[in-house]
Structures are given as structure tokens and as C-alpha cells.
Amino acid sequence: MSDFPKTKQIIGFTDAGQPLVLPDYSCGQFSPGQSRLLESKTCWYCRYADFRKTADVMLTQSICRCEQKRVHVIQGNKNEGLK
């Protein structure tokens, strides 16, 4: 199979190798977002994720844009999520 972490909070990867994450995922690369009120060390509050909390629609998943979390993607393979 692959060396990707198998968690329920990482649901796949973009073609650029960025993890698709759910709000409650947490990792060692956490960096606080703009609002520091009621923060926990999860993706929902991390500056690397964008759940569009300030828009009319809040997303239930986001792309982690942290360079350290990016994985190498083999050209020609589809990144369809983890099973």
C-alpha cells in the first residue's frame, strides 16, 4: 500500500501532495490562526488550514498548506483518499 498515515482526520491528498483534513485533526506542525480565542491545537484553529470560518459557508474539510506535511506524489497516480 502506501506510507500515508491512516487516520480518519486525513481523508486524502491533493495532486500537489497536500493533506485533506477534517477540523479535529491535529499534528506537530500546528500554528495558531488569526483568532486566538478558545483555540485548541486542531486544524480548525491552525493557520495552515482554511475552513472559511469568516465566509457565509463553513467547510467540513480543508487543505493543509503546511510545507512540512506535504507528501511526494507519484505522477500518473490518482490520490483518491485513504481506505
PDB file of N, CA and C in Angstrom:
ATOM      1  N   MET A   1       0.854  -1.189   0.000  1.00  0.00           N
ATOM      2  CA  MET A   1       0.000   0.000   0.000  1.00  0.00           C
ATOM      3  C   MET A   1       0.882   1.229   0.000  1.00  0.00           C
ATOM      4  N   SER A   2       0.665   2.174   0.871  1.00  0.00           N
ATOM      5  CA  SER A   2       1.452   3.402   0.903  1.00  0.00           C
ATOM      6  C   SER A   2       1.894   3.697   2.328  1.00  0.00           C
ATOM      7  N   ASP A   3       2.759   4.686   2.461  1.00  0.00           N
ATOM      8  CA  ASP A   3       3.250   5.092   3.772  1.00  0.00           C
ATOM      9  C   ASP A   3       2.438   6.228   4.360  1.00  0.00           C
ATOM     10  N   PHE A   4       1.309   6.591   3.753  1.00  0.00           N
ATOM     11  CA  PHE A   4       0.490   7.686   4.249  1.00  0.00           C
ATOM     12  C   PHE A   4      -0.110   7.308   5.594  1.00  0.00           C
ATOM     13  N   PRO A   5      -0.213   8.273   6.504  1.00  0.00           N
ATOM     14  CA  PRO A   5      -0.836   7.967   7.798  1.00  0.00           C
ATOM     15  C   PRO A   5      -2.306   7.615   7.602  1.00  0.00           C
ATOM     16  N   LYS A   6      -2.751   6.590   8.288  1.00  0.00           N
ATOM     17  CA  LYS A   6      -4.137   6.162   8.155  1.00  0.00           C
ATOM     18  C   LYS A   6      -4.922   6.674   9.350  1.00  0.00           C
ATOM     19  N   THR A   7      -5.542   7.829   9.181  1.00  0.00           N
ATOM     20  CA  THR A   7      -6.373   8.400  10.228  1.00  0.00           C
ATOM     21  C   THR A   7      -7.714   8.763   9.627  1.00  0.00           C
ATOM     22  N   LYS A   8      -8.682   8.949  10.473  1.00  0.00           N
ATOM     23  CA  LYS A   8      -9.992   9.363   9.985  1.00  0.00           C
ATOM     24  C   LYS A   8     -10.030  10.863   9.742  1.00  0.00           C
ATOM     25  N   GLN A   9      -9.004  11.596  10.220  1.00  0.00           N
ATOM     26  CA  GLN A   9      -8.997  13.043  10.050  1.00  0.00           C
ATOM     27  C   GLN A   9      -8.274  13.478   8.784  1.00  0.00           C
ATOM     28  N   ILE A  10      -7.362  12.671   8.246  1.00  0.00           N
ATOM     29  CA  ILE A  10      -6.776  12.929   6.931  1.00  0.00           C
ATOM     30  C   ILE A  10      -7.561  12.058   5.969  1.00  0.00           C
ATOM     31  N   ILE A  11      -8.286  12.699   5.059  1.00  0.00           N
ATOM     32  CA  ILE A  11      -9.195  11.936   4.211  1.00  0.00           C
ATOM     33  C   ILE A  11      -8.671  11.759   2.791  1.00  0.00           C
ATOM     34  N   GLY A  12      -7.507  12.295   2.493  1.00  0.00           N
ATOM     35  CA  GLY A  12      -6.924  12.154   1.172  1.00  0.00           C
ATOM     36  C   GLY A  12      -5.831  13.183   0.967  1.00  0.00           C
ATOM     37  N   PHE A  13      -5.394  13.307  -0.285  1.00  0.00           N
ATOM     38  CA  PHE A  13      -4.333  14.242  -0.633  1.00  0.00           C
ATOM     39  C   PHE A  13      -4.663  14.900  -1.967  1.00  0.00           C
ATOM     40  N   THR A  14      -4.249  16.156  -2.104  1.00  0.00           N
ATOM     41  CA  THR A  14      -4.418  16.839  -3.386  1.00  0.00           C
ATOM     42  C   THR A  14      -3.375  16.307  -4.359  1.00  0.00           C
ATOM     43  N   ASP A  15      -3.495  16.671  -5.627  1.00  0.00           N
ATOM     44  CA  ASP A  15      -2.499  16.255  -6.609  1.00  0.00           C
ATOM     45  C   ASP A  15      -1.127  16.850  -6.314  1.00  0.00           C
ATOM     46  N   ALA A  16      -1.084  17.935  -5.537  1.00  0.00           N
ATOM     47  CA  ALA A  16       0.184  18.558  -5.142  1.00  0.00           C
ATOM     48  C   ALA A  16       0.747  17.934  -3.864  1.00  0.00           C
ATOM     49  N   GLY A  17       0.052  16.951  -3.279  1.00  0.00           N
ATOM     50  CA  GLY A  17       0.536  16.262  -2.096  1.00  0.00           C
ATOM     51  C   GLY A  17       0.126  16.878  -0.775  1.00  0.00           C
ATOM     52  N   GLN A  18      -0.806  17.821  -0.800  1.00  0.00           N
ATOM     53  CA  GLN A  18      -1.263  18.450   0.431  1.00  0.00           C
ATOM     54  C   GLN A  18      -2.383  17.622   1.042  1.00  0.00           C
ATOM     55  N   PRO A  19      -2.326  17.362   2.359  1.00  0.00           N
ATOM     56  CA  PRO A  19      -3.367  16.560   3.001  1.00  0.00           C
ATOM     57  C   PRO A  19      -4.723  17.269   3.008  1.00  0.00           C
ATOM     58  N   LEU A  20      -5.783  16.505   2.815  1.00  0.00           N
ATOM     59  CA  LEU A  20      -7.150  16.985   3.015  1.00  0.00           C
ATOM     60  C   LEU A  20      -7.520  16.594   4.432  1.00  0.00           C
ATOM     61  N   VAL A  21      -7.833  17.588   5.254  1.00  0.00           N
ATOM     62  CA  VAL A  21      -8.026  17.338   6.676  1.00  0.00           C
ATOM     63  C   VAL A  21      -9.420  17.715   7.149  1.00  0.00           C
ATOM     64  N   LEU A  22      -9.821  17.067   8.238  1.00  0.00           N
ATOM     65  CA  LEU A  22     -11.063  17.404   8.925  1.00  0.00           C
ATOM     66  C   LEU A  22     -10.724  18.333  10.092  1.00  0.00           C
ATOM     67  N   PRO A  23     -11.689  19.071  10.618  1.00  0.00           N
ATOM     68  CA  PRO A  23     -11.423  20.084  11.642  1.00  0.00           C
ATOM     69  C   PRO A  23     -10.736  19.577  12.905  1.00  0.00           C
ATOM     70  N   ASP A  24     -11.010  18.337  13.325  1.00  0.00           N
ATOM     71  CA  ASP A  24     -10.472  17.873  14.601  1.00  0.00           C
ATOM     72  C   ASP A  24      -9.100  17.207  14.497  1.00  0.00           C
ATOM     73  N   TYR A  25      -8.495  17.194  13.316  1.00  0.00           N
ATOM     74  CA  TYR A  25      -7.156  16.631  13.169  1.00  0.00           C
ATOM     75  C   TYR A  25      -6.131  17.551  13.828  1.00  0.00           C
ATOM     76  N   SER A  26      -5.101  16.965  14.414  1.00  0.00           N
ATOM     77  CA  SER A  26      -4.021  17.773  14.991  1.00  0.00           C
ATOM     78  C   SER A  26      -2.693  17.111  14.667  1.00  0.00           C
ATOM     79  N   CYS A  27      -1.665  17.944  14.563  1.00  0.00           N
ATOM     80  CA  CYS A  27      -0.333  17.424  14.282  1.00  0.00           C
ATOM     81  C   CYS A  27       0.700  18.330  14.944  1.00  0.00           C
ATOM     82  N   GLY A  28       1.953  17.950  14.856  1.00  0.00           N
ATOM     83  CA  GLY A  28       3.025  18.703  15.467  1.00  0.00           C
ATOM     84  C   GLY A  28       3.351  20.009  14.778  1.00  0.00           C
ATOM     85  N   GLN A  29       2.764  20.265  13.619  1.00  0.00           N
ATOM     86  CA  GLN A  29       3.043  21.491  12.872  1.00  0.00           C
ATOM     87  C   GLN A  29       2.029  22.593  13.159  1.00  0.00           C
ATOM     88  N   PHE A  30       1.192  22.430  14.179  1.00  0.00           N
ATOM     89  CA  PHE A  30       0.152  23.410  14.488  1.00  0.00           C
ATOM     90  C   PHE A  30       0.753  24.797  14.667  1.00  0.00           C
ATOM     91  N   SER A  31       0.102  25.776  14.060  1.00  0.00           N
ATOM     92  CA  SER A  31       0.464  27.186  14.230  1.00  0.00           C
ATOM     93  C   SER A  31      -0.842  27.949  14.370  1.00  0.00           C
ATOM     94  N   PRO A  32      -0.998  28.749  15.425  1.00  0.00           N
ATOM     95  CA  PRO A  32      -2.275  29.426  15.672  1.00  0.00           C
ATOM     96  C   PRO A  32      -2.709  30.312  14.512  1.00  0.00           C
ATOM     97  N   GLY A  33      -4.005  30.353  14.283  1.00  0.00           N
ATOM     98  CA  GLY A  33      -4.568  31.235  13.271  1.00  0.00           C
ATOM     99  C   GLY A  33      -4.691  32.655  13.784  1.00  0.00           C
ATOM    100  N   GLN A  34      -5.497  33.465  13.105  1.00  0.00           N
ATOM    101  CA  GLN A  34      -5.636  34.876  13.471  1.00  0.00           C
ATOM    102  C   GLN A  34      -6.329  35.059  14.810  1.00  0.00           C
ATOM    103  N   SER A  35      -7.419  34.351  15.031  1.00  0.00           N
ATOM    104  CA  SER A  35      -8.151  34.473  16.284  1.00  0.00           C
ATOM    105  C   SER A  35      -7.563  33.510  17.300  1.00  0.00           C
ATOM    106  N   ARG A  36      -7.170  34.018  18.446  1.00  0.00           N
ATOM    107  CA  ARG A  36      -6.568  33.157  19.467  1.00  0.00           C
ATOM    108  C   ARG A  36      -7.543  32.849  20.597  1.00  0.00           C
ATOM    109  N   LEU A  37      -8.805  33.167  20.420  1.00  0.00           N
ATOM    110  CA  LEU A  37      -9.809  32.882  21.445  1.00  0.00           C
ATOM    111  C   LEU A  37     -10.285  31.440  21.326  1.00  0.00           C
ATOM    112  N   LEU A  38     -10.358  30.767  22.440  1.00  0.00           N
ATOM    113  CA  LEU A  38     -10.881  29.394  22.518  1.00  0.00           C
ATOM    114  C   LEU A  38     -10.173  28.434  21.558  1.00  0.00           C
ATOM    115  N   GLU A  39      -8.896  28.618  21.346  1.00  0.00           N
ATOM    116  CA  GLU A  39      -8.173  27.745  20.425  1.00  0.00           C
ATOM    117  C   GLU A  39      -7.793  26.422  21.065  1.00  0.00           C
ATOM    118  N   SER A  40      -7.867  25.387  20.272  1.00  0.00           N
ATOM    119  CA  SER A  40      -7.268  24.104  20.639  1.00  0.00           C
ATOM    120  C   SER A  40      -6.305  23.781  19.502  1.00  0.00           C
ATOM    121  N   LYS A  41      -5.384  22.872  19.735  1.00  0.00           N
ATOM    122  CA  LYS A  41      -4.380  22.565  18.713  1.00  0.00           C
ATOM    123  C   LYS A  41      -4.934  21.578  17.693  1.00  0.00           C
ATOM    124  N   THR A  42      -5.950  22.023  16.955  1.00  0.00           N
ATOM    125  CA  THR A  42      -6.545  21.228  15.888  1.00  0.00           C
ATOM    126  C   THR A  42      -6.546  22.053  14.608  1.00  0.00           C
ATOM    127  N   CYS A  43      -6.768  21.396  13.489  1.00  0.00           N
ATOM    128  CA  CYS A  43      -6.740  22.078  12.195  1.00  0.00           C
ATOM    129  C   CYS A  43      -7.730  23.234  12.118  1.00  0.00           C
ATOM    130  N   TRP A  44      -8.853  23.129  12.793  1.00  0.00           N
ATOM    131  CA  TRP A  44      -9.862  24.183  12.737  1.00  0.00           C
ATOM    132  C   TRP A  44      -9.270  25.541  13.127  1.00  0.00           C
ATOM    133  N   TYR A  45      -8.317  25.535  14.052  1.00  0.00           N
ATOM    134  CA  TYR A  45      -7.719  26.777  14.552  1.00  0.00           C
ATOM    135  C   TYR A  45      -6.314  27.035  13.992  1.00  0.00           C
ATOM    136  N   CYS A  46      -5.859  26.210  13.081  1.00  0.00           N
ATOM    137  CA  CYS A  46      -4.489  26.321  12.559  1.00  0.00           C
ATOM    138  C   CYS A  46      -4.436  27.262  11.357  1.00  0.00           C
ATOM    139  N   ARG A  47      -3.366  28.026  11.264  1.00  0.00           N
ATOM    140  CA  ARG A  47      -3.238  28.976  10.158  1.00  0.00           C
ATOM    141  C   ARG A  47      -2.997  28.286   8.820  1.00  0.00           C
ATOM    142  N   TYR A  48      -2.609  27.014   8.817  1.00  0.00           N
ATOM    143  CA  TYR A  48      -2.347  26.308   7.566  1.00  0.00           C
ATOM    144  C   TYR A  48      -3.619  25.785   6.893  1.00  0.00           C
ATOM    145  N   ALA A  49      -4.714  25.724   7.611  1.00  0.00           N
ATOM    146  CA  ALA A  49      -5.974  25.222   7.059  1.00  0.00           C
ATOM    147  C   ALA A  49      -6.957  26.372   6.854  1.00  0.00           C
ATOM    148  N   ASP A  50      -7.882  26.187   5.922  1.00  0.00           N
ATOM    149  CA  ASP A  50      -8.882  27.225   5.641  1.00  0.00           C
ATOM    150  C   ASP A  50     -10.259  26.572   5.579  1.00  0.00           C
ATOM    151  N   PHE A  51     -10.969  26.675   6.655  1.00  0.00           N
ATOM    152  CA  PHE A  51     -12.325  26.134   6.690  1.00  0.00           C
ATOM    153  C   PHE A  51     -13.353  27.222   6.390  1.00  0.00           C
ATOM    154  N   ARG A  52     -12.893  28.383   5.944  1.00  0.00           N
ATOM    155  CA  ARG A  52     -13.736  29.531   5.590  1.00  0.00           C
ATOM    156  C   ARG A  52     -14.671  29.922   6.723  1.00  0.00           C
ATOM    157  N   LYS A  53     -14.109  30.051   7.892  1.00  0.00           N
ATOM    158  CA  LYS A  53     -14.907  30.392   9.065  1.00  0.00           C
ATOM    159  C   LYS A  53     -15.499  31.792   8.980  1.00  0.00           C
ATOM    160  N   THR A  54     -14.934  32.652   8.125  1.00  0.00           N
ATOM    161  CA  THR A  54     -15.435  34.018   8.021  1.00  0.00           C
ATOM    162  C   THR A  54     -16.365  34.202   6.818  1.00  0.00           C
ATOM    163  N   ALA A  55     -16.568  33.163   6.050  1.00  0.00           N
ATOM    164  CA  ALA A  55     -17.449  33.244   4.885  1.00  0.00           C
ATOM    165  C   ALA A  55     -18.863  32.800   5.264  1.00  0.00           C
ATOM    166  N   ASP A  56     -19.781  32.939   4.336  1.00  0.00           N
ATOM    167  CA  ASP A  56     -21.158  32.516   4.569  1.00  0.00           C
ATOM    168  C   ASP A  56     -21.275  30.996   4.722  1.00  0.00           C
ATOM    169  N   VAL A  57     -20.355  30.262   4.103  1.00  0.00           N
ATOM    170  CA  VAL A  57     -20.390  28.802   4.150  1.00  0.00           C
ATOM    171  C   VAL A  57     -19.142  28.310   4.869  1.00  0.00           C
ATOM    172  N   MET A  58     -19.334  27.471   5.895  1.00  0.00           N
ATOM    173  CA  MET A  58     -18.192  26.859   6.580  1.00  0.00           C
ATOM    174  C   MET A  58     -17.974  25.466   6.003  1.00  0.00           C
ATOM    175  N   LEU A  59     -16.740  25.177   5.646  1.00  0.00           N
ATOM    176  CA  LEU A  59     -16.406  23.891   5.056  1.00  0.00           C
ATOM    177  C   LEU A  59     -16.181  22.840   6.139  1.00  0.00           C
ATOM    178  N   THR A  60     -16.454  21.593   5.808  1.00  0.00           N
ATOM    179  CA  THR A  60     -16.248  20.498   6.754  1.00  0.00           C
ATOM    180  C   THR A  60     -14.899  19.834   6.550  1.00  0.00           C
ATOM    181  N   GLN A  61     -14.171  20.230   5.509  1.00  0.00           N
ATOM    182  CA  GLN A  61     -12.832  19.729   5.263  1.00  0.00           C
ATOM    183  C   GLN A  61     -12.001  20.853   4.670  1.00  0.00           C
ATOM    184  N   SER A  62     -10.693  20.730   4.746  1.00  0.00           N
ATOM    185  CA  SER A  62      -9.807  21.767   4.250  1.00  0.00           C
ATOM    186  C   SER A  62      -8.522  21.145   3.748  1.00  0.00           C
ATOM    187  N   ILE A  63      -7.722  21.943   3.073  1.00  0.00           N
ATOM    188  CA  ILE A  63      -6.400  21.529   2.627  1.00  0.00           C
ATOM    189  C   ILE A  63      -5.389  22.067   3.623  1.00  0.00           C
ATOM    190  N   CYS A  64      -4.499  21.204   4.085  1.00  0.00           N
ATOM    191  CA  CYS A  64      -3.411  21.644   4.954  1.00  0.00           C
ATOM    192  C   CYS A  64      -2.310  22.195   4.050  1.00  0.00           C
ATOM    193  N   ARG A  65      -1.993  23.465   4.216  1.00  0.00           N
ATOM    194  CA  ARG A  65      -0.999  24.114   3.360  1.00  0.00           C
ATOM    195  C   ARG A  65       0.384  24.198   4.007  1.00  0.00           C
ATOM    196  N   CYS A  66       0.615  23.412   5.034  1.00  0.00           N
ATOM    197  CA  CYS A  66       1.915  23.376   5.696  1.00  0.00           C
ATOM    198  C   CYS A  66       2.901  22.597   4.807  1.00  0.00           C
ATOM    199  N   GLU A  67       4.021  23.207   4.489  1.00  0.00           N
ATOM    200  CA  GLU A  67       5.013  22.564   3.616  1.00  0.00           C
ATOM    201  C   GLU A  67       5.562  21.275   4.226  1.00  0.00           C
ATOM    202  N   GLN A  68       5.693  21.222   5.547  1.00  0.00           N
ATOM    203  CA  GLN A  68       6.230  20.023   6.196  1.00  0.00           C
ATOM    204  C   GLN A  68       5.275  18.837   6.119  1.00  0.00           C
ATOM    205  N   LYS A  69       3.995  19.075   5.905  1.00  0.00           N
ATOM    206  CA  LYS A  69       3.002  17.991   5.823  1.00  0.00           C
ATOM    207  C   LYS A  69       2.789  17.502   4.396  1.00  0.00           C
ATOM    208  N   ARG A  70       3.361  18.193   3.418  1.00  0.00           N
ATOM    209  CA  ARG A  70       3.193  17.805   2.015  1.00  0.00           C
ATOM    210  C   ARG A  70       3.907  16.484   1.762  1.00  0.00           C
ATOM    211  N   VAL A  71       3.299  15.623   0.977  1.00  0.00           N
ATOM    212  CA  VAL A  71       3.892  14.329   0.638  1.00  0.00           C
ATOM    213  C   VAL A  71       4.262  14.316  -0.840  1.00  0.00           C
ATOM    214  N   HIS A  72       5.174  13.437  -1.185  1.00  0.00           N
ATOM    215  CA  HIS A  72       5.573  13.297  -2.589  1.00  0.00           C
ATOM    216  C   HIS A  72       4.502  12.510  -3.330  1.00  0.00           C
ATOM    217  N   VAL A  73       4.067  13.040  -4.454  1.00  0.00           N
ATOM    218  CA  VAL A  73       3.034  12.390  -5.251  1.00  0.00           C
ATOM    219  C   VAL A  73       3.676  11.841  -6.515  1.00  0.00           C
ATOM    220  N   ILE A  74       3.434  10.574  -6.780  1.00  0.00           N
ATOM    221  CA  ILE A  74       3.969   9.939  -7.978  1.00  0.00           C
ATOM    222  C   ILE A  74       3.083  10.317  -9.153  1.00  0.00           C
ATOM    223  N   GLN A  75       3.690  10.864 -10.206  1.00  0.00           N
ATOM    224  CA  GLN A  75       2.936  11.282 -11.387  1.00  0.00           C
ATOM    225  C   GLN A  75       2.189  10.097 -11.991  1.00  0.00           C
ATOM    226  N   GLY A  76       0.962  10.338 -12.391  1.00  0.00           N
ATOM    227  CA  GLY A  76       0.147   9.304 -13.012  1.00  0.00           C
ATOM    228  C   GLY A  76      -0.750   8.555 -12.047  1.00  0.00           C
ATOM    229  N   ASN A  77      -0.511   8.661 -10.763  1.00  0.00           N
ATOM    230  CA  ASN A  77      -1.359   8.011  -9.765  1.00  0.00           C
ATOM    231  C   ASN A  77      -2.439   8.965  -9.313  1.00  0.00           C
ATOM    232  N   LYS A  78      -3.613   8.446  -9.066  1.00  0.00           N
ATOM    233  CA  LYS A  78      -4.694   9.254  -8.541  1.00  0.00           C
ATOM    234  C   LYS A  78      -4.645   9.212  -7.026  1.00  0.00           C
ATOM    235  N   ASN A  79      -4.860  10.360  -6.412  1.00  0.00           N
ATOM    236  CA  ASN A  79      -4.912  10.453  -4.949  1.00  0.00           C
ATOM    237  C   ASN A  79      -6.380  10.534  -4.569  1.00  0.00           C
ATOM    238  N   GLU A  80      -6.974   9.372  -4.355  1.00  0.00           N
ATOM    239  CA  GLU A  80      -8.415   9.311  -4.150  1.00  0.00           C
ATOM    240  C   GLU A  80      -8.815   9.164  -2.698  1.00  0.00           C
ATOM    241  N   GLY A  81      -7.903   9.396  -1.802  1.00  0.00           N
ATOM    242  CA  GLY A  81      -8.243   9.253  -0.391  1.00  0.00           C
ATOM    243  C   GLY A  81      -7.674   7.979   0.179  1.00  0.00           C
ATOM    244  N   LEU A  82      -7.839   7.853   1.465  1.00  0.00           N
ATOM    245  CA  LEU A  82      -7.334   6.686   2.174  1.00  0.00           C
ATOM    246  C   LEU A  82      -8.437   5.682   2.416  1.00  0.00           C
ATOM    247  N   LYS A  83      -8.086   4.440   2.418  1.00  0.00           N
ATOM    248  CA  LYS A  83      -9.069   3.400   2.666  1.00  0.00           C
ATOM    249  C   LYS A  83      -8.757   2.727   3.972  1.00  0.00           C
TER     250      LYS A  83
END
